[in-house]
Amino acid sequence: MAGSSYKDWNQSIIDEFRANGGNVTSVPFGRGLVLVHHSGARSGTERVSPVAFLRHDRDTWLIAASKAGAPENPAWYHNLLANPETEIETPEDGVVEVTVTELAGAERDAAWERFKAMSPGFGEYEAKTDRVIPVLSLRRR
């Protein structure tokens, strides 16, 4: 999706998430999204992105920077690494302040396997790109 249509789609998902306590049914996400707040690494502009997640434990959410298998990482990935103290909106816990870290090595690989087990789409994204899809940990502060 290009430009404004992608932003409009994201905003419709954000609006539905907020209106329905984290449940998104217009597309098959259900309660499987978090809204990740991030500031532009260069611009400082505040943004919100809906992202699929896995709950690692009570205080940790995992997200994958898959960008549907695009050759580059999503902008939010770079923004989160530049500004790792942020907040997320969750279906169960509401707004949570988190610290973002990128998983590496075996820890990243194990988390990535969980994403692929959750949804075959993640395996399709992996097959479409040459990059290693990053997995980020969002840990409650």
Protein backbone atom coordinates (compact mmCIF):
# COMPACT_ATOMS: atom_id res chain seq x y z
CA MET A 1 0.00 0.00 0.00
CA ALA A 2 1.27 3.42 -0.84
CA GLY A 3 1.20 6.64 1.11
CA SER A 4 -2.13 7.78 2.48
CA SER A 5 -4.06 4.55 1.83
CA TYR A 6 -1.65 2.69 4.15
CA LYS A 7 -1.97 5.45 6.77
CA ASP A 8 -5.77 5.36 6.43
CA TRP A 9 -5.78 1.55 6.85
CA ASN A 10 -3.53 1.80 9.92
CA GLN A 11 -5.75 4.53 11.39
CA SER A 12 -8.88 2.42 10.85
CA ILE A 13 -7.22 -0.48 12.72
CA ILE A 14 -6.13 1.87 15.54
CA ASP A 15 -9.64 3.33 15.81
CA GLU A 16 -11.25 -0.12 15.92
CA PHE A 17 -8.71 -1.34 18.51
CA ARG A 18 -9.44 1.64 20.78
CA ALA A 19 -13.22 1.48 20.30
CA ASN A 20 -13.40 -2.26 21.09
CA GLY A 21 -10.98 -2.75 23.96
CA GLY A 22 -8.22 -4.16 21.76
CA ASN A 23 -10.42 -6.46 19.66
CA VAL A 24 -9.99 -5.98 15.89
CA THR A 25 -12.45 -8.01 13.81
CA SER A 26 -12.57 -6.05 10.52
CA VAL A 27 -9.41 -7.96 9.62
CA PRO A 28 -8.61 -11.27 11.33
CA PHE A 29 -6.43 -9.98 14.18
CA GLY A 30 -8.84 -10.34 17.07
CA ARG A 31 -6.93 -9.49 20.23
CA GLY A 32 -3.54 -10.19 18.59
CA LEU A 33 -2.37 -6.59 18.13
CA VAL A 34 -0.62 -4.01 20.24
CA LEU A 35 -0.48 -0.33 19.34
CA VAL A 36 3.18 0.66 19.44
CA HIS A 37 3.92 4.33 20.11
CA HIS A 38 7.16 5.55 18.57
CA SER A 39 8.90 8.81 17.77
CA GLY A 40 10.53 9.40 14.41
CA ALA A 41 14.27 8.75 14.71
CA ARG A 42 15.02 11.88 12.65
CA SER A 43 11.80 13.92 12.78
CA GLY A 44 10.76 13.28 16.38
CA THR A 45 7.16 13.01 15.10
CA GLU A 46 4.98 10.87 17.37
CA ARG A 47 3.41 7.90 15.63
CA VAL A 48 1.33 4.82 16.47
CA SER A 49 1.56 1.52 14.59
CA PRO A 50 -0.63 -1.56 15.03
CA VAL A 51 1.65 -4.61 15.24
CA ALA A 52 0.97 -8.33 15.80
CA PHE A 53 2.46 -9.60 19.04
CA LEU A 54 3.24 -12.66 21.10
CA ARG A 55 3.10 -12.52 24.87
CA HIS A 56 6.41 -13.82 26.19
CA ASP A 57 5.50 -13.46 29.86
CA ARG A 58 3.40 -11.20 32.07
CA ASP A 59 5.71 -8.23 31.52
CA THR A 60 7.03 -8.85 27.99
CA TRP A 61 5.52 -8.60 24.52
CA LEU A 62 7.37 -9.67 21.36
CA ILE A 63 6.91 -8.04 17.95
CA ALA A 64 8.46 -8.94 14.59
CA ALA A 65 9.61 -6.31 12.10
CA SER A 66 8.37 -8.36 9.15
CA LYS A 67 6.90 -5.56 6.98
CA ALA A 68 5.13 -8.33 5.01
CA GLY A 69 8.49 -9.56 3.69
CA ALA A 70 9.61 -6.23 2.21
CA PRO A 71 13.35 -5.87 1.56
CA GLU A 72 13.69 -3.23 4.30
CA ASN A 73 12.62 -3.04 7.92
CA PRO A 74 9.54 -0.99 8.84
CA ALA A 75 10.13 2.61 9.93
CA TRP A 76 8.84 1.84 13.43
CA TYR A 77 11.71 -0.64 13.91
CA HIS A 78 14.32 2.10 13.42
CA ASN A 79 12.30 4.53 15.54
CA LEU A 80 12.05 2.08 18.45
CA LEU A 81 15.78 1.36 18.43
CA ALA A 82 16.53 5.09 18.39
CA ASN A 83 14.00 5.80 21.18
CA PRO A 84 13.58 2.55 23.16
CA GLU A 85 11.65 4.05 26.10
CA THR A 86 8.05 4.13 24.89
CA GLU A 87 4.55 2.84 25.51
CA ILE A 88 2.19 0.33 23.98
CA GLU A 89 -1.56 -0.11 24.13
CA THR A 90 -2.50 -3.72 24.82
CA PRO A 91 -5.80 -5.65 24.73
CA GLU A 92 -5.38 -6.96 28.29
CA ASP A 93 -3.31 -4.39 30.18
CA GLY A 94 -4.23 -1.05 28.57
CA VAL A 95 -1.39 1.44 28.18
CA VAL A 96 1.96 0.05 29.36
CA GLU A 97 5.31 1.83 29.51
CA VAL A 98 8.00 -0.40 28.00
CA THR A 99 11.67 -0.56 27.14
CA VAL A 100 12.50 -1.98 23.71
CA THR A 101 15.42 -4.32 23.01
CA GLU A 102 16.26 -6.33 19.91
CA LEU A 103 16.61 -10.07 20.37
CA ALA A 104 19.70 -11.76 18.93
CA GLY A 105 20.99 -15.24 18.20
CA ALA A 106 19.16 -18.26 19.60
CA GLU A 107 16.74 -16.06 21.56
CA ARG A 108 15.66 -14.27 18.36
CA ASP A 109 15.45 -17.54 16.44
CA ALA A 110 13.25 -19.19 19.07
CA ALA A 111 10.92 -16.17 19.15
CA TRP A 112 10.76 -16.11 15.34
CA GLU A 113 9.74 -19.77 15.29
CA ARG A 114 6.87 -18.88 17.65
CA PHE A 115 5.70 -16.19 15.21
CA LYS A 116 5.74 -18.68 12.33
CA ALA A 117 3.82 -21.21 14.43
CA MET A 118 1.25 -18.53 15.29
CA SER A 119 0.60 -17.59 11.65
CA PRO A 120 1.82 -19.08 8.37
CA GLY A 121 2.03 -15.54 7.00
CA PHE A 122 5.26 -14.97 8.91
CA GLY A 123 6.91 -17.90 7.10
CA GLU A 124 5.69 -16.43 3.80
CA TYR A 125 7.22 -13.07 4.72
CA GLU A 126 10.51 -14.77 5.56
CA ALA A 127 10.53 -16.52 2.17
CA LYS A 128 9.99 -13.21 0.34
CA THR A 129 13.00 -11.38 1.77
CA ASP A 130 16.76 -11.84 2.08
CA ARG A 131 16.93 -10.02 5.40
CA VAL A 132 16.73 -11.66 8.80
CA ILE A 133 13.46 -10.36 10.21
CA PRO A 134 14.17 -8.66 13.54
CA VAL A 135 12.24 -9.55 16.69
CA LEU A 136 11.91 -6.92 19.42
CA SER A 137 11.13 -7.39 23.08
CA LEU A 138 8.88 -4.80 24.72
CA ARG A 139 9.44 -5.12 28.47
CA ARG A 140 7.27 -3.39 31.05
CA ARG A 141 9.14 -0.64 32.93
